[in-house]
Amino acid sequence: MQIIIGIILLLAIIGSIAAWINTKIILEELALIKKELGIKEEKKEFFLADDNEDFFSHSSPSFYGGNRSKD
């Protein structure tokens, strides 16, 4: 039983590394496409850098069907 768990764990690790490499390749290809199209590349220090609003303070348009208001 431990051998099966070990094999599954090894396959999961290999799969996660392969997914990481695939994501890196896709991001490099997208950067090349953006460069060829002349789209300015914007880099952020942190992926939530523009998230200054309190998550629960405004209604979401996807849930309530309306525009987000900043009342």
N, C-alpha and C. Protein backbone atom coordinates (compact mmCIF):
# COMPACT_ATOMS: atom_id res chain seq x y z
N MET A 1 0.82 -1.20 0.00
CA MET A 1 0.00 0.00 0.00
C MET A 1 0.87 1.26 0.00
N GLN A 2 1.98 1.24 0.73
CA GLN A 2 2.86 2.40 0.78
C GLN A 2 3.50 2.67 -0.57
N ILE A 3 3.73 1.62 -1.34
CA ILE A 3 4.32 1.80 -2.68
C ILE A 3 3.34 2.53 -3.58
N ILE A 4 2.07 2.18 -3.50
CA ILE A 4 1.05 2.84 -4.32
C ILE A 4 0.94 4.32 -3.94
N ILE A 5 0.93 4.61 -2.65
CA ILE A 5 0.87 6.00 -2.19
C ILE A 5 2.11 6.76 -2.65
N GLY A 6 3.26 6.13 -2.58
CA GLY A 6 4.50 6.76 -3.04
C GLY A 6 4.47 7.06 -4.52
N ILE A 7 3.95 6.13 -5.31
CA ILE A 7 3.85 6.34 -6.76
C ILE A 7 2.89 7.48 -7.06
N ILE A 8 1.75 7.50 -6.36
CA ILE A 8 0.78 8.58 -6.56
C ILE A 8 1.39 9.93 -6.18
N LEU A 9 2.11 9.97 -5.08
CA LEU A 9 2.77 11.21 -4.65
C LEU A 9 3.81 11.66 -5.67
N LEU A 10 4.59 10.73 -6.18
CA LEU A 10 5.60 11.06 -7.19
C LEU A 10 4.95 11.59 -8.46
N LEU A 11 3.85 10.96 -8.89
CA LEU A 11 3.14 11.44 -10.08
C LEU A 11 2.55 12.83 -9.85
N ALA A 12 2.07 13.09 -8.64
CA ALA A 12 1.53 14.41 -8.34
C ALA A 12 2.62 15.48 -8.39
N ILE A 13 3.79 15.16 -7.87
CA ILE A 13 4.91 16.10 -7.90
C ILE A 13 5.35 16.36 -9.34
N ILE A 14 5.47 15.29 -10.12
CA ILE A 14 5.87 15.45 -11.52
C ILE A 14 4.82 16.26 -12.28
N GLY A 15 3.54 16.01 -12.01
CA GLY A 15 2.47 16.77 -12.65
C GLY A 15 2.49 18.24 -12.29
N SER A 16 2.78 18.55 -11.05
CA SER A 16 2.82 19.96 -10.64
C SER A 16 4.01 20.68 -11.27
N ILE A 17 5.13 20.01 -11.38
CA ILE A 17 6.30 20.62 -12.03
C ILE A 17 6.01 20.83 -13.52
N ALA A 18 5.38 19.85 -14.16
CA ALA A 18 5.03 19.99 -15.57
C ALA A 18 4.05 21.14 -15.78
N ALA A 19 3.09 21.31 -14.88
CA ALA A 19 2.13 22.41 -14.98
C ALA A 19 2.83 23.75 -14.81
N TRP A 20 3.78 23.82 -13.89
CA TRP A 20 4.52 25.06 -13.68
C TRP A 20 5.32 25.43 -14.94
N ILE A 21 5.98 24.44 -15.53
CA ILE A 21 6.76 24.69 -16.76
C ILE A 21 5.84 25.12 -17.89
N ASN A 22 4.68 24.46 -18.02
CA ASN A 22 3.73 24.81 -19.06
C ASN A 22 3.23 26.24 -18.88
N THR A 23 2.95 26.64 -17.65
CA THR A 23 2.50 28.00 -17.38
C THR A 23 3.58 29.01 -17.74
N LYS A 24 4.81 28.69 -17.41
CA LYS A 24 5.92 29.59 -17.74
C LYS A 24 6.05 29.75 -19.25
N ILE A 25 5.92 28.67 -20.00
CA ILE A 25 6.01 28.73 -21.47
C ILE A 25 4.88 29.57 -22.04
N ILE A 26 3.66 29.37 -21.53
CA ILE A 26 2.51 30.14 -22.00
C ILE A 26 2.71 31.63 -21.73
N LEU A 27 3.20 31.98 -20.55
CA LEU A 27 3.43 33.40 -20.23
C LEU A 27 4.50 34.01 -21.13
N GLU A 28 5.53 33.25 -21.46
CA GLU A 28 6.56 33.74 -22.38
C GLU A 28 5.99 33.95 -23.77
N GLU A 29 5.13 33.04 -24.23
CA GLU A 29 4.51 33.19 -25.54
C GLU A 29 3.56 34.39 -25.57
N LEU A 30 2.82 34.60 -24.50
CA LEU A 30 1.94 35.76 -24.43
C LEU A 30 2.73 37.06 -24.44
N ALA A 31 3.86 37.08 -23.76
CA ALA A 31 4.71 38.28 -23.77
C ALA A 31 5.21 38.57 -25.18
N LEU A 32 5.56 37.52 -25.91
CA LEU A 32 6.03 37.70 -27.29
C LEU A 32 4.90 38.22 -28.18
N ILE A 33 3.71 37.68 -28.02
CA ILE A 33 2.56 38.15 -28.80
C ILE A 33 2.26 39.60 -28.48
N LYS A 34 2.28 39.97 -27.20
CA LYS A 34 2.03 41.36 -26.81
C LYS A 34 3.08 42.28 -27.41
N LYS A 35 4.32 41.83 -27.43
CA LYS A 35 5.39 42.65 -28.00
C LYS A 35 5.18 42.85 -29.50
N GLU A 36 4.79 41.78 -30.21
CA GLU A 36 4.56 41.88 -31.65
C GLU A 36 3.36 42.77 -31.97
N LEU A 37 2.36 42.78 -31.12
CA LEU A 37 1.19 43.61 -31.34
C LEU A 37 1.38 45.04 -30.83
N GLY A 38 2.47 45.29 -30.13
CA GLY A 38 2.75 46.62 -29.63
C GLY A 38 1.98 46.96 -28.37
N ILE A 39 1.56 45.96 -27.64
CA ILE A 39 0.84 46.19 -26.40
C ILE A 39 1.85 46.41 -25.28
N LYS A 40 1.65 47.49 -24.53
CA LYS A 40 2.56 47.82 -23.45
C LYS A 40 2.45 46.79 -22.33
N GLU A 41 3.58 46.31 -21.86
CA GLU A 41 3.59 45.32 -20.79
C GLU A 41 3.57 46.03 -19.45
N GLU A 42 2.61 45.66 -18.61
CA GLU A 42 2.49 46.24 -17.28
C GLU A 42 2.89 45.19 -16.26
N LYS A 43 3.85 45.53 -15.43
CA LYS A 43 4.27 44.61 -14.38
C LYS A 43 3.86 45.18 -13.04
N LYS A 44 3.33 44.32 -12.20
CA LYS A 44 2.95 44.71 -10.85
C LYS A 44 3.88 44.01 -9.87
N GLU A 45 4.13 44.67 -8.77
CA GLU A 45 4.96 44.05 -7.74
C GLU A 45 4.22 42.92 -7.04
N PHE A 46 2.89 43.09 -6.91
CA PHE A 46 2.08 42.14 -6.18
C PHE A 46 0.75 42.01 -6.91
N PHE A 47 0.24 40.81 -7.06
CA PHE A 47 -0.94 40.62 -7.88
C PHE A 47 -2.20 41.26 -7.31
N LEU A 48 -2.20 41.64 -6.05
CA LEU A 48 -3.33 42.33 -5.46
C LEU A 48 -3.03 43.81 -5.23
N ALA A 49 -2.09 44.38 -5.99
CA ALA A 49 -1.65 45.75 -5.77
C ALA A 49 -2.78 46.76 -5.94
N ASP A 50 -3.73 46.52 -6.85
CA ASP A 50 -4.82 47.46 -7.08
C ASP A 50 -6.06 47.13 -6.27
N ASP A 51 -5.98 46.15 -5.42
CA ASP A 51 -7.13 45.72 -4.64
C ASP A 51 -7.17 46.48 -3.32
N ASN A 52 -7.61 47.74 -3.40
CA ASN A 52 -7.62 48.59 -2.22
C ASN A 52 -8.97 48.64 -1.54
N GLU A 53 -9.99 48.07 -2.18
CA GLU A 53 -11.33 48.13 -1.63
C GLU A 53 -11.57 46.95 -0.69
N ASP A 54 -12.42 47.20 0.28
CA ASP A 54 -12.84 46.12 1.16
C ASP A 54 -13.73 45.18 0.37
N PHE A 55 -13.42 43.90 0.41
CA PHE A 55 -14.12 42.91 -0.40
C PHE A 55 -15.61 42.88 -0.14
N PHE A 56 -16.02 43.05 1.10
CA PHE A 56 -17.42 42.91 1.45
C PHE A 56 -18.18 44.23 1.47
N SER A 57 -17.54 45.34 1.17
CA SER A 57 -18.22 46.63 1.29
C SER A 57 -19.05 46.99 0.08
N HIS A 58 -18.81 46.37 -1.08
CA HIS A 58 -19.54 46.70 -2.30
C HIS A 58 -20.18 45.44 -2.87
N SER A 59 -21.30 45.65 -3.53
CA SER A 59 -21.96 44.50 -4.15
C SER A 59 -21.25 44.15 -5.45
N SER A 60 -21.25 42.89 -5.77
CA SER A 60 -20.60 42.40 -6.98
C SER A 60 -21.59 42.36 -8.13
N PRO A 61 -21.24 42.87 -9.31
CA PRO A 61 -22.18 42.85 -10.43
C PRO A 61 -22.49 41.43 -10.90
N SER A 62 -21.59 40.50 -10.71
CA SER A 62 -21.84 39.15 -11.17
C SER A 62 -22.89 38.46 -10.31
N PHE A 63 -23.03 38.85 -9.05
CA PHE A 63 -24.01 38.23 -8.18
C PHE A 63 -25.35 38.96 -8.19
N TYR A 64 -25.31 40.28 -8.31
CA TYR A 64 -26.52 41.07 -8.14
C TYR A 64 -27.02 41.71 -9.43
N GLY A 65 -26.29 41.58 -10.52
CA GLY A 65 -26.73 42.07 -11.80
C GLY A 65 -26.63 43.57 -12.00
N GLY A 66 -26.05 44.28 -11.07
CA GLY A 66 -25.94 45.73 -11.21
C GLY A 66 -24.49 46.17 -11.26
N ASN A 67 -24.32 47.45 -11.48
CA ASN A 67 -22.97 48.01 -11.47
C ASN A 67 -22.51 48.24 -10.05
N ARG A 68 -21.21 48.13 -9.85
CA ARG A 68 -20.67 48.41 -8.53
C ARG A 68 -20.73 49.89 -8.27
N SER A 69 -21.31 50.25 -7.18
CA SER A 69 -21.38 51.67 -6.83
C SER A 69 -20.43 51.94 -5.67
N LYS A 70 -19.89 53.14 -5.68
CA LYS A 70 -18.97 53.55 -4.61
C LYS A 70 -19.64 54.61 -3.77
N ASP A 71 -20.79 54.27 -3.21
CA ASP A 71 -21.57 55.22 -2.39
C ASP A 71 -20.96 55.37 -1.04
